[in-house]
Amino acid sequence: MAEATAPHAEAVRSIARMLLTEQLDALARHAQERLDAEEPAYARMEAAPGVKLAGMRRTLELALTRLSGEPVPPHVARATADVGRQRAEQGFPLPALIHSFQLDLRTLWEAIVSEGRRRRLTEDPGFLDGLLLVWEATEANSVEVVDAYRRTERDLASHRGEIRARAFERLVLEGERDPSVVTDVSSLLGIPADAPLVVVVAEGVPTQDRRLESCRTALQRASLPCYLGYLGDELLGVVNRGKRDSAAVHALLEPLGGWRCGTADVAGLAEVPRGVRFARAASRSDAAPGLRPIREHWIGAIMSGQDELTGPMAREVLAPLLALRDSEGLLGTLRSFLEFGSIAEVAERTYRHRNTIRNRLQTVETATGLDLSVPQHTARLTMALEWLRSRPGRTAAEAQPDR
């Protein structure tokens, strides 16, 4: 404060010292009555009147001590930090807490102005400048209480997050054989045990990636309760789709398609462990990024999940094709034929002559010794092509010598 206003500042400090020693209890009662009358959240707060009054007294004592310029005594030094922590732990609304400290300012301001009027100081404009000290003292209290509130809120959120993460991990590892785990997770996640769920597994998703956050936000806006956390390097989670169809949920999960991500629909929390296995298999059915529901990728999931058995079969089927000069073109035509089911459809969609398609398919049959009109042979080719999308399959294709 400027030197010219020092006498006025001292006048305000003098009044603060008088209020601190003579009127603190009366000010605290008045402030608490005003707070209960003007702020519904405090009126409803479940606390004994004596406890609320004691808290009010401490914060006013801290503000008046600061205002007086006296050293802050130890018994009130943490008054604001304690209030901020306690209100955050109680889930008390922050706007109501801030309002309470605004009322502290009014209470102290009115008390000091009243005493200044009695001392005939209010006619001096400099005295009004000195009243800025009242704002500074109560603002310091307000900043401290908000900082403590937000710090506690972060700590509580982190603690709740850890508890939920451990519970979900137990669900994945033990949920199939321990019904009590399902009950605990249902309570912690706020998801009914029998709710229809979409299970999600994704690889390599950074914890703070904006796409993950946009996915969480979209699910929240759609009022779909969910949990998305980590188990090791994998993002694992569930979405309670309620009455939504699975396609609507997958539209909201689309941002996760930037990584290898699989999903599976299950009928309740007890089926989540199986859903995780299925979703994980779906995510690994293709080496490329993408969102893959297991219901659309059964063959690829099977082929990528049992490479000791499926790999040798696929290699045996594909080796003659991979050795040919135009292997990529032949494989592409074969994929199209297996997807669309007719030469005419493939020709129309790929803008090629039917005879070209027919000749390429005959080359495939000759090289592999398999007949595309025989369902069992077609199944082997379909499975082999799905295996080729997986990481082992791509590695095998890339290992082929230049032709």
Protein backbone atom coordinates (compact mmCIF):
# COMPACT_ATOMS: atom_id res chain seq x y z
CA MET A 1 0.00 0.00 0.00
CA ALA A 2 1.29 3.54 -0.83
CA GLU A 3 3.03 5.55 1.91
CA ALA A 4 0.34 8.27 1.88
CA THR A 5 -2.34 5.79 2.90
CA ALA A 6 -0.33 4.15 5.69
CA PRO A 7 -2.26 5.94 8.49
CA HIS A 8 -5.55 4.77 7.01
CA ALA A 9 -4.24 1.22 6.71
CA GLU A 10 -3.22 1.37 10.37
CA ALA A 11 -6.72 2.55 11.27
CA VAL A 12 -8.22 -0.50 9.56
CA ARG A 13 -5.69 -2.76 11.28
CA SER A 14 -6.52 -1.23 14.62
CA ILE A 15 -10.21 -1.96 14.12
CA ALA A 16 -9.36 -5.53 13.05
CA ARG A 17 -7.38 -6.08 16.26
CA MET A 18 -10.32 -4.81 18.30
CA LEU A 19 -12.77 -7.10 16.48
CA LEU A 20 -10.40 -10.02 16.94
CA THR A 21 -10.15 -9.59 20.70
CA GLU A 22 -13.63 -8.29 21.54
CA GLN A 23 -16.19 -9.31 18.92
CA LEU A 24 -14.93 -12.49 17.21
CA ASP A 25 -17.58 -14.78 18.70
CA ALA A 26 -20.41 -12.38 17.86
CA LEU A 27 -19.11 -11.94 14.31
CA ALA A 28 -18.87 -15.71 13.85
CA ARG A 29 -22.47 -16.21 15.03
CA HIS A 30 -23.72 -13.43 12.77
CA ALA A 31 -21.78 -14.76 9.77
CA GLN A 32 -23.02 -18.31 10.34
CA GLU A 33 -26.65 -17.20 10.62
CA ARG A 34 -26.30 -15.19 7.42
CA LEU A 35 -24.66 -18.13 5.64
CA ASP A 36 -27.40 -20.57 6.67
CA ALA A 37 -30.04 -18.09 5.54
CA GLU A 38 -28.49 -17.18 2.18
CA GLU A 39 -26.78 -20.40 1.04
CA PRO A 40 -29.12 -23.48 0.90
CA ALA A 41 -26.20 -25.91 0.63
CA TYR A 42 -24.96 -24.87 4.08
CA ALA A 43 -28.44 -24.93 5.57
CA ARG A 44 -28.79 -28.55 4.42
CA MET A 45 -25.32 -29.60 5.49
CA GLU A 46 -25.34 -32.47 7.98
CA ALA A 47 -23.17 -31.05 10.73
CA ALA A 48 -23.81 -30.05 14.32
CA PRO A 49 -24.37 -26.29 14.72
CA GLY A 50 -21.41 -26.10 17.08
CA VAL A 51 -19.11 -27.69 14.52
CA LYS A 52 -20.19 -25.27 11.78
CA LEU A 53 -19.80 -22.31 14.11
CA ALA A 54 -16.31 -23.42 15.16
CA GLY A 55 -15.25 -23.63 11.51
CA MET A 56 -16.63 -20.16 10.81
CA ARG A 57 -14.83 -18.76 13.85
CA ARG A 58 -11.47 -20.15 12.68
CA THR A 59 -11.72 -18.72 9.17
CA LEU A 60 -12.81 -15.29 10.45
CA GLU A 61 -10.00 -15.35 13.02
CA LEU A 62 -7.53 -16.10 10.24
CA ALA A 63 -8.86 -13.26 8.08
CA LEU A 64 -8.83 -10.75 10.97
CA THR A 65 -5.33 -11.80 12.01
CA ARG A 66 -4.10 -11.23 8.49
CA LEU A 67 -5.92 -7.93 8.39
CA SER A 68 -4.44 -6.80 11.69
CA GLY A 69 -0.90 -7.56 10.56
CA GLU A 70 -0.29 -9.84 13.56
CA PRO A 71 1.49 -13.23 13.22
CA VAL A 72 -0.94 -16.03 12.39
CA PRO A 73 -1.27 -18.39 15.39
CA PRO A 74 -0.76 -22.12 14.71
CA HIS A 75 -4.33 -23.08 15.68
CA VAL A 76 -5.80 -21.13 12.74
CA ALA A 77 -2.94 -21.34 10.23
CA ARG A 78 -4.60 -24.26 8.43
CA ALA A 79 -8.19 -23.12 8.86
CA THR A 80 -8.83 -22.55 5.15
CA ALA A 81 -6.92 -25.67 4.06
CA ASP A 82 -8.95 -27.77 6.50
CA VAL A 83 -12.26 -26.33 5.27
CA GLY A 84 -11.35 -26.87 1.63
CA ARG A 85 -10.30 -30.46 2.28
CA GLN A 86 -13.36 -31.26 4.38
CA ARG A 87 -15.83 -29.81 1.88
CA ALA A 88 -14.23 -31.70 -1.00
CA GLU A 89 -14.39 -34.94 0.99
CA GLN A 90 -18.07 -34.25 1.70
CA GLY A 91 -18.78 -33.67 -2.00
CA PHE A 92 -19.90 -30.13 -1.11
CA PRO A 93 -20.48 -27.85 -4.15
CA LEU A 94 -17.55 -25.53 -4.80
CA PRO A 95 -19.74 -22.52 -5.81
CA ALA A 96 -21.44 -22.67 -2.41
CA LEU A 97 -18.06 -22.79 -0.69
CA ILE A 98 -16.85 -19.73 -2.62
CA HIS A 99 -20.10 -17.94 -1.75
CA SER A 100 -19.45 -18.54 1.94
CA PHE A 101 -16.14 -16.65 1.74
CA GLN A 102 -17.79 -13.82 -0.17
CA LEU A 103 -20.18 -13.54 2.78
CA ASP A 104 -17.13 -13.42 5.11
CA LEU A 105 -15.97 -10.37 3.17
CA ARG A 106 -19.37 -8.68 3.60
CA THR A 107 -19.47 -9.49 7.29
CA LEU A 108 -16.01 -8.10 8.01
CA TRP A 109 -16.46 -5.12 5.69
CA GLU A 110 -19.70 -4.10 7.41
CA ALA A 111 -18.20 -4.58 10.88
CA ILE A 112 -15.13 -2.46 10.10
CA VAL A 113 -17.17 0.27 8.38
CA SER A 114 -19.53 0.34 11.38
CA GLU A 115 -16.63 0.75 13.79
CA GLY A 116 -15.03 3.31 11.49
CA ARG A 117 -18.25 5.28 11.49
CA ARG A 118 -18.30 5.19 15.30
CA ARG A 119 -14.72 6.50 15.25
CA ARG A 120 -15.68 9.13 12.66
CA LEU A 121 -13.26 7.73 10.10
CA THR A 122 -15.69 7.10 7.27
CA GLU A 123 -15.79 10.74 6.22
CA ASP A 124 -12.12 10.47 5.22
CA PRO A 125 -11.77 9.11 1.63
CA GLY A 126 -8.43 7.61 2.64
CA PHE A 127 -10.18 5.30 5.10
CA LEU A 128 -12.14 3.77 2.23
CA ASP A 129 -8.83 3.11 0.46
CA GLY A 130 -7.63 1.33 3.58
CA LEU A 131 -10.63 -0.98 3.39
CA LEU A 132 -8.90 -2.69 0.45
CA LEU A 133 -7.00 -4.58 3.16
CA VAL A 134 -10.25 -6.32 4.08
CA TRP A 135 -10.66 -7.58 0.53
CA GLU A 136 -7.02 -8.72 0.41
CA ALA A 137 -7.33 -10.71 3.65
CA THR A 138 -10.57 -12.45 2.69
CA GLU A 139 -9.32 -13.06 -0.86
CA ALA A 140 -6.24 -14.80 0.57
CA ASN A 141 -8.58 -17.04 2.57
CA SER A 142 -10.72 -17.73 -0.51
CA VAL A 143 -7.73 -18.64 -2.70
CA GLU A 144 -6.40 -21.04 -0.08
CA VAL A 145 -9.72 -22.79 0.44
CA VAL A 146 -10.28 -23.25 -3.30
CA ASP A 147 -6.74 -24.58 -3.78
CA ALA A 148 -7.23 -27.07 -0.93
CA TYR A 149 -10.63 -28.10 -2.29
CA ARG A 150 -9.31 -28.75 -5.81
CA ARG A 151 -6.19 -30.52 -4.55
CA THR A 152 -8.31 -32.83 -2.40
CA GLU A 153 -10.74 -33.35 -5.27
CA ARG A 154 -7.86 -34.47 -7.51
CA ASP A 155 -6.51 -36.77 -4.80
CA LEU A 156 -9.94 -38.30 -4.25
CA ALA A 157 -10.48 -38.79 -7.99
CA SER A 158 -7.08 -40.45 -8.28
CA HIS A 159 -7.84 -42.70 -5.32
CA ARG A 160 -11.26 -43.63 -6.73
CA GLY A 161 -9.62 -44.29 -10.09
CA GLU A 162 -7.10 -46.65 -8.49
CA ILE A 163 -9.84 -48.52 -6.63
CA ARG A 164 -11.92 -48.87 -9.82
CA ALA A 165 -8.87 -50.01 -11.79
CA ARG A 166 -8.00 -52.70 -9.24
CA ALA A 167 -11.62 -53.85 -9.13
CA PHE A 168 -11.85 -54.09 -12.91
CA GLU A 169 -8.57 -56.02 -13.04
CA ARG A 170 -10.02 -58.50 -10.51
CA LEU A 171 -13.13 -58.77 -12.67
CA VAL A 172 -11.05 -59.68 -15.73
CA LEU A 173 -8.93 -62.19 -13.81
CA GLU A 174 -11.45 -63.67 -11.35
CA GLY A 175 -14.95 -62.61 -12.37
CA GLU A 176 -15.87 -65.91 -14.03
CA ARG A 177 -15.39 -67.89 -10.84
CA ASP A 178 -16.13 -65.40 -8.04
CA PRO A 179 -19.61 -63.80 -8.00
CA SER A 180 -18.58 -61.45 -5.17
CA VAL A 181 -16.12 -59.75 -7.53
CA VAL A 182 -18.97 -59.04 -9.96
CA THR A 183 -21.03 -57.52 -7.13
CA ASP A 184 -18.14 -55.28 -6.02
CA VAL A 185 -17.43 -54.06 -9.54
CA SER A 186 -21.10 -53.37 -10.19
CA SER A 187 -21.17 -51.10 -7.13
CA LEU A 188 -17.90 -49.31 -7.90
CA LEU A 189 -18.61 -48.72 -11.59
CA GLY A 190 -22.30 -47.96 -11.17
CA ILE A 191 -23.18 -50.59 -13.79
CA PRO A 192 -25.85 -53.24 -13.09
CA ALA A 193 -24.45 -56.78 -13.05
CA ASP A 194 -26.84 -57.92 -15.79
CA ALA A 195 -26.48 -54.86 -18.06
CA PRO A 196 -25.77 -55.51 -21.77
CA LEU A 197 -22.19 -54.44 -22.37
CA VAL A 198 -19.71 -53.75 -25.13
CA VAL A 199 -16.25 -54.90 -24.03
CA VAL A 200 -13.33 -52.92 -25.49
CA VAL A 201 -9.65 -53.88 -25.84
CA ALA A 202 -7.11 -51.65 -27.58
CA GLU A 203 -3.32 -51.76 -27.89
CA GLY A 204 -0.91 -48.88 -27.40
CA VAL A 205 -3.37 -46.07 -26.62
CA PRO A 206 -1.57 -43.18 -24.81
CA THR A 207 -3.26 -42.29 -21.53
CA GLN A 208 -3.78 -38.61 -22.40
CA ASP A 209 -4.49 -38.95 -26.12
CA ARG A 210 -7.18 -36.51 -27.28
CA ARG A 211 -8.96 -39.27 -29.24
CA LEU A 212 -9.38 -41.31 -26.08
CA GLU A 213 -10.70 -38.25 -24.28
CA SER A 214 -13.10 -37.48 -27.15
CA CYS A 215 -14.37 -41.05 -26.92
CA ARG A 216 -14.99 -40.72 -23.17
CA THR A 217 -16.72 -37.39 -23.72
CA ALA A 218 -18.98 -38.81 -26.45
CA LEU A 219 -20.02 -41.72 -24.23
CA GLN A 220 -20.72 -39.35 -21.34
CA ARG A 221 -22.84 -37.07 -23.51
CA ALA A 222 -24.79 -40.08 -24.74
CA SER A 223 -25.49 -41.01 -21.08
CA LEU A 224 -23.77 -44.38 -21.50
CA PRO A 225 -22.04 -45.44 -18.25
CA CYS A 226 -18.60 -46.80 -19.01
CA TYR A 227 -15.19 -47.66 -17.65
CA LEU A 228 -12.04 -47.28 -19.76
CA GLY A 229 -8.80 -48.05 -17.95
CA TYR A 230 -5.51 -49.86 -18.36
CA LEU A 231 -4.24 -53.32 -17.60
CA GLY A 232 -0.57 -53.31 -18.46
CA ASP A 233 -0.19 -51.73 -21.90
CA GLU A 234 -3.75 -52.52 -22.96
CA LEU A 235 -6.73 -50.22 -22.75
CA LEU A 236 -9.59 -52.29 -21.36
CA GLY A 237 -13.12 -51.22 -20.71
CA VAL A 238 -16.85 -51.77 -20.84
CA VAL A 239 -19.73 -49.63 -22.05
CA ASN A 240 -23.23 -50.16 -20.68
CA ARG A 241 -25.21 -49.83 -23.89
CA GLY A 242 -28.58 -50.08 -22.16
CA LYS A 243 -31.28 -49.98 -24.82
CA ARG A 244 -28.90 -48.75 -27.54
CA ASP A 245 -27.96 -51.17 -30.26
CA SER A 246 -24.34 -52.20 -30.57
CA ALA A 247 -23.84 -50.22 -33.79
CA ALA A 248 -24.73 -46.95 -32.02
CA VAL A 249 -22.11 -47.63 -29.34
CA HIS A 250 -19.48 -48.51 -31.95
CA ALA A 251 -20.07 -45.19 -33.68
CA LEU A 252 -19.04 -43.48 -30.43
CA LEU A 253 -15.99 -45.75 -30.08
CA GLU A 254 -14.75 -44.91 -33.58
CA PRO A 255 -11.89 -42.66 -32.33
CA LEU A 256 -10.25 -45.82 -30.94
CA GLY A 257 -9.94 -47.09 -34.51
CA GLY A 258 -6.64 -45.23 -34.65
CA TRP A 259 -5.18 -48.28 -32.89
CA ARG A 260 -5.78 -52.01 -33.11
CA CYS A 261 -9.02 -52.21 -31.16
CA GLY A 262 -11.43 -55.12 -30.73
CA THR A 263 -14.87 -55.32 -29.16
CA ALA A 264 -17.27 -58.02 -28.02
CA ASP A 265 -20.89 -57.87 -26.87
CA VAL A 266 -21.65 -59.65 -23.59
CA ALA A 267 -24.79 -60.03 -21.47
CA GLY A 268 -23.39 -58.85 -18.12
CA LEU A 269 -20.36 -58.20 -15.94
CA ALA A 270 -19.80 -61.91 -15.24
CA GLU A 271 -19.11 -62.41 -18.96
CA VAL A 272 -16.51 -59.62 -19.17
CA PRO A 273 -13.49 -61.96 -18.86
CA ARG A 274 -14.70 -63.93 -21.90
CA GLY A 275 -15.51 -60.67 -23.67
CA VAL A 276 -11.96 -59.43 -23.07
CA ARG A 277 -10.53 -62.59 -24.62
CA PHE A 278 -12.81 -62.25 -27.65
CA ALA A 279 -12.16 -58.52 -28.07
CA ARG A 280 -8.42 -59.08 -27.75
CA ALA A 281 -8.56 -61.76 -30.44
CA ALA A 282 -10.55 -59.41 -32.69
CA SER A 283 -8.02 -56.62 -32.22
CA ARG A 284 -5.21 -58.96 -33.29
CA SER A 285 -7.00 -60.34 -36.32
CA ASP A 286 -5.37 -57.67 -38.49
CA ALA A 287 -1.96 -56.01 -38.18
CA ALA A 288 -3.42 -52.67 -39.31
CA PRO A 289 -5.20 -50.20 -37.00
CA GLY A 290 -8.97 -50.37 -36.87
CA LEU A 291 -12.06 -50.89 -34.72
CA ARG A 292 -13.08 -54.54 -35.06
CA PRO A 293 -16.18 -56.07 -33.47
CA ILE A 294 -15.60 -59.80 -32.97
CA ARG A 295 -18.92 -60.61 -34.65
CA GLU A 296 -17.47 -59.31 -37.93
CA HIS A 297 -14.01 -60.82 -37.51
CA TRP A 298 -14.52 -64.33 -36.19
CA ILE A 299 -12.37 -66.02 -38.82
CA GLY A 300 -9.50 -63.56 -38.48
CA ALA A 301 -9.64 -63.81 -34.69
CA ILE A 302 -9.49 -67.60 -34.83
CA MET A 303 -6.65 -67.59 -37.36
CA SER A 304 -4.54 -65.06 -35.46
CA GLY A 305 -5.18 -66.62 -32.06
CA GLN A 306 -3.87 -70.14 -32.77
CA ASP A 307 -0.88 -69.54 -35.03
CA GLU A 308 0.79 -72.83 -34.11
CA LEU A 309 -2.09 -74.61 -35.82
CA THR A 310 -3.42 -72.06 -38.29
CA GLY A 311 -0.06 -70.73 -39.47
CA PRO A 312 1.16 -73.98 -41.07
CA MET A 313 -2.22 -74.49 -42.79
CA ALA A 314 -2.24 -70.95 -44.18
CA ARG A 315 1.38 -71.14 -45.30
CA GLU A 316 0.71 -74.42 -47.09
CA VAL A 317 -2.31 -72.94 -48.92
CA LEU A 318 -0.71 -69.61 -49.78
CA ALA A 319 2.90 -70.56 -50.55
CA PRO A 320 2.23 -71.35 -54.26
CA LEU A 321 0.35 -68.05 -54.69
CA LEU A 322 2.97 -65.96 -52.91
CA ALA A 323 5.62 -67.41 -55.21
CA LEU A 324 3.88 -66.10 -58.35
CA ARG A 325 4.87 -62.81 -60.00
CA ASP A 326 1.40 -61.23 -59.70
CA SER A 327 0.66 -62.57 -56.22
CA GLU A 328 -0.78 -59.29 -54.90
CA GLY A 329 -3.20 -58.95 -57.81
CA LEU A 330 -4.26 -62.59 -57.55
CA LEU A 331 -4.82 -62.33 -53.80
CA GLY A 332 -6.85 -59.15 -54.28
CA THR A 333 -9.08 -60.80 -56.87
CA LEU A 334 -9.50 -63.85 -54.64
CA ARG A 335 -10.50 -61.63 -51.67
CA SER A 336 -13.08 -59.85 -53.79
CA PHE A 337 -14.53 -63.10 -55.08
CA LEU A 338 -14.79 -64.58 -51.59
CA GLU A 339 -16.45 -61.37 -50.37
CA PHE A 340 -18.93 -60.81 -53.22
CA GLY A 341 -19.48 -64.40 -54.33
CA SER A 342 -19.68 -63.98 -58.12
CA ILE A 343 -17.38 -63.18 -61.01
CA ALA A 344 -19.87 -60.65 -62.42
CA GLU A 345 -19.99 -58.74 -59.10
CA VAL A 346 -16.19 -58.70 -58.82
CA ALA A 347 -15.83 -57.48 -62.41
CA GLU A 348 -18.31 -54.68 -61.86
CA ARG A 349 -16.77 -53.48 -58.62
CA THR A 350 -13.14 -53.69 -59.79
CA TYR A 351 -13.82 -52.35 -63.32
CA ARG A 352 -12.28 -55.38 -64.99
CA HIS A 353 -13.53 -57.72 -67.68
CA ARG A 354 -15.19 -60.91 -66.50
CA ASN A 355 -12.71 -63.02 -68.43
CA THR A 356 -9.85 -61.32 -66.59
CA ILE A 357 -11.43 -62.20 -63.27
CA ARG A 358 -12.17 -65.75 -64.45
CA ASN A 359 -8.57 -66.26 -65.61
CA ARG A 360 -7.13 -64.98 -62.36
CA LEU A 361 -9.32 -67.30 -60.31
CA GLN A 362 -8.30 -70.23 -62.49
CA THR A 363 -4.66 -69.33 -61.81
CA VAL A 364 -5.43 -69.42 -58.09
CA GLU A 365 -7.04 -72.84 -58.39
CA THR A 366 -4.16 -74.21 -60.45
CA ALA A 367 -1.49 -72.89 -58.07
CA THR A 368 -3.17 -74.05 -54.86
CA GLY A 369 -4.86 -77.21 -56.14
CA LEU A 370 -8.09 -76.00 -54.53
CA ASP A 371 -11.46 -75.74 -56.30
CA LEU A 372 -13.49 -72.58 -55.58
CA SER A 373 -16.70 -74.47 -56.24
CA VAL A 374 -15.98 -76.81 -53.32
CA PRO A 375 -17.10 -75.25 -49.99
CA GLN A 376 -14.38 -76.95 -47.97
CA HIS A 377 -11.69 -75.66 -50.31
CA THR A 378 -13.21 -72.16 -50.24
CA ALA A 379 -13.20 -72.22 -46.45
CA ARG A 380 -9.47 -73.03 -46.41
CA LEU A 381 -8.73 -70.16 -48.77
CA THR A 382 -10.86 -67.77 -46.72
CA MET A 383 -9.09 -68.73 -43.50
CA ALA A 384 -5.67 -68.47 -45.11
CA LEU A 385 -6.41 -64.97 -46.41
CA GLU A 386 -7.59 -63.85 -42.97
CA TRP A 387 -4.39 -65.20 -41.44
CA LEU A 388 -2.44 -63.15 -43.98
CA ARG A 389 -3.84 -59.96 -42.39
CA SER A 390 -2.38 -60.84 -39.01
CA ARG A 391 1.12 -59.89 -37.91
CA PRO A 392 2.51 -63.42 -38.44
CA GLY A 393 0.85 -63.49 -41.87
CA ARG A 394 2.24 -60.14 -42.92
CA THR A 395 5.68 -61.16 -41.71
CA ALA A 396 5.47 -64.32 -43.79
CA ALA A 397 4.36 -62.39 -46.90
CA GLU A 398 7.12 -59.81 -46.50
CA ALA A 399 9.69 -62.58 -46.14
CA GLN A 400 8.97 -63.87 -49.67
CA PRO A 401 11.92 -63.29 -52.01
CA ASP A 402 11.49 -60.80 -54.86
CA ARG A 403 9.83 -62.42 -57.80
